[in-house]
C-alpha atoms as a PDB file:
ATOM      1  CA  MET A   1     -67.931  68.799  84.388  1.00  0.00           C
ATOM      2  CA  ARG A   2     -70.061  70.104  87.237  1.00  0.00           C
ATOM      3  CA  LEU A   3     -72.207  66.968  87.134  1.00  0.00           C
ATOM      4  CA  VAL A   4     -69.168  64.748  87.593  1.00  0.00           C
ATOM      5  CA  GLU A   5     -67.889  66.913  90.438  1.00  0.00           C
ATOM      6  CA  ALA A   6     -71.290  66.820  92.129  1.00  0.00           C
ATOM      7  CA  GLN A   7     -71.473  63.039  91.903  1.00  0.00           C
ATOM      8  CA  LEU A   8     -67.945  62.649  93.237  1.00  0.00           C
ATOM      9  CA  ASP A   9     -68.735  64.979  96.136  1.00  0.00           C
ATOM     10  CA  ARG A  10     -71.697  62.746  97.062  1.00  0.00           C
ATOM     11  CA  GLY A  11     -69.442  59.698  97.024  1.00  0.00           C
ATOM     12  CA  GLY A  12     -70.680  58.380  93.699  1.00  0.00           C
ATOM     13  CA  SER A  13     -68.423  56.849  91.117  1.00  0.00           C
ATOM     14  CA  GLY A  14     -69.616  59.151  88.372  1.00  0.00           C
ATOM     15  CA  ALA A  15     -71.589  56.461  86.556  1.00  0.00           C
ATOM     16  CA  PRO A  16     -75.263  55.871  87.218  1.00  0.00           C
ATOM     17  CA  SER A  17     -75.937  52.601  89.029  1.00  0.00           C
ATOM     18  CA  ARG A  18     -78.171  51.267  86.226  1.00  0.00           C
ATOM     19  CA  ASP A  19     -75.100  51.065  83.947  1.00  0.00           C
ATOM     20  CA  ALA A  20     -73.133  48.782  86.262  1.00  0.00           C
ATOM     21  CA  GLY A  21     -74.726  45.615  84.860  1.00  0.00           C
ATOM     22  CA  ALA A  22     -74.347  46.839  81.297  1.00  0.00           C
ATOM     23  CA  SER A  23     -70.567  46.964  81.673  1.00  0.00           C
ATOM     24  CA  ALA A  24     -70.446  43.329  82.734  1.00  0.00           C
ATOM     25  CA  VAL A  25     -72.625  42.314  79.783  1.00  0.00           C
ATOM     26  CA  GLU A  26     -70.442  44.276  77.369  1.00  0.00           C
ATOM     27  CA  TYR A  27     -67.285  42.650  78.720  1.00  0.00           C
ATOM     28  CA  GLY A  28     -68.937  39.240  78.469  1.00  0.00           C
ATOM     29  CA  LEU A  29     -69.862  39.853  74.836  1.00  0.00           C
ATOM     30  CA  LEU A  30     -66.335  41.043  74.114  1.00  0.00           C
ATOM     31  CA  VAL A  31     -64.817  37.911  75.663  1.00  0.00           C
ATOM     32  CA  ALA A  32     -67.253  35.712  73.711  1.00  0.00           C
ATOM     33  CA  ALA A  33     -66.361  37.454  70.436  1.00  0.00           C
ATOM     34  CA  ILE A  34     -62.629  37.067  71.064  1.00  0.00           C
ATOM     35  CA  ALA A  35     -63.112  33.384  71.922  1.00  0.00           C
ATOM     36  CA  ALA A  36     -65.088  32.854  68.696  1.00  0.00           C
ATOM     37  CA  VAL A  37     -62.295  34.436  66.641  1.00  0.00           C
ATOM     38  CA  ILE A  38     -59.669  32.272  68.356  1.00  0.00           C
ATOM     39  CA  VAL A  39     -61.691  29.108  67.695  1.00  0.00           C
ATOM     40  CA  ALA A  40     -62.157  30.053  64.030  1.00  0.00           C
ATOM     41  CA  VAL A  41     -58.438  30.740  63.560  1.00  0.00           C
ATOM     42  CA  LEU A  42     -57.423  27.506  65.269  1.00  0.00           C
ATOM     43  CA  PHE A  43     -59.892  25.540  63.149  1.00  0.00           C
ATOM     44  CA  GLY A  44     -58.409  27.071  59.987  1.00  0.00           C
ATOM     45  CA  VAL A  45     -54.863  26.347  61.108  1.00  0.00           C
ATOM     46  CA  GLY A  46     -55.878  22.781  61.948  1.00  0.00           C
ATOM     47  CA  VAL A  47     -57.140  22.207  58.409  1.00  0.00           C
ATOM     48  CA  VAL A  48     -53.858  23.487  56.943  1.00  0.00           C
ATOM     49  CA  VAL A  49     -51.748  21.369  59.300  1.00  0.00           C
ATOM     50  CA  LYS A  50     -53.829  18.272  58.549  1.00  0.00           C
ATOM     51  CA  GLY A  51     -53.295  18.819  54.816  1.00  0.00           C
ATOM     52  CA  SER A  52     -49.558  19.180  55.325  1.00  0.00           C
ATOM     53  CA  PHE A  53     -49.365  15.968  57.353  1.00  0.00           C
ATOM     54  CA  ASN A  54     -51.400  14.080  54.752  1.00  0.00           C
ATOM     55  CA  LYS A  55     -49.100  15.286  51.962  1.00  0.00           C
ATOM     56  CA  THR A  56     -46.005  14.358  53.966  1.00  0.00           C
ATOM     57  CA  SER A  57     -47.449  10.935  54.744  1.00  0.00           C
ATOM     58  CA  SER A  58     -48.154  10.215  51.093  1.00  0.00           C
ATOM     59  CA  CYS A  59     -44.640  11.326  50.135  1.00  0.00           C
ATOM     60  CA  VAL A  60     -43.072   9.062  52.751  1.00  0.00           C
ATOM     61  CA  SER A  61     -45.242   6.152  51.576  1.00  0.00           C
ATOM     62  CA  ALA A  62     -44.118   6.615  47.999  1.00  0.00           C
ATOM     63  CA  ALA A  63     -40.452   7.361  48.658  1.00  0.00           C
ATOM     64  CA  ALA A  64     -39.429   6.494  45.098  1.00  0.00           C
ATOM     65  CA  SER A  65     -41.886   8.987  43.646  1.00  0.00           C
ATOM     66  CA  SER A  66     -40.531  12.296  42.417  1.00  0.00           C
ATOM     67  CA  THR A  67     -43.826  14.155  42.854  1.00  0.00           C
ATOM     68  CA  CYS A  68     -43.085  15.395  46.381  1.00  0.00           C
END
């Protein structure tokens, strides 16, 4: 606690200056990971939607069929 108080008294932010760049890198990696998850989910949803449209299209084409 005394270390934090001493740094604040000197006008410091409490974090050493060498860690300032590390925070930006960590946030960048976090944003990249979230974007990768979003892309993966959207790709999976796209495959499901495409399958549903294909099934619907085949059912409309064969309207007399009772397999739909």
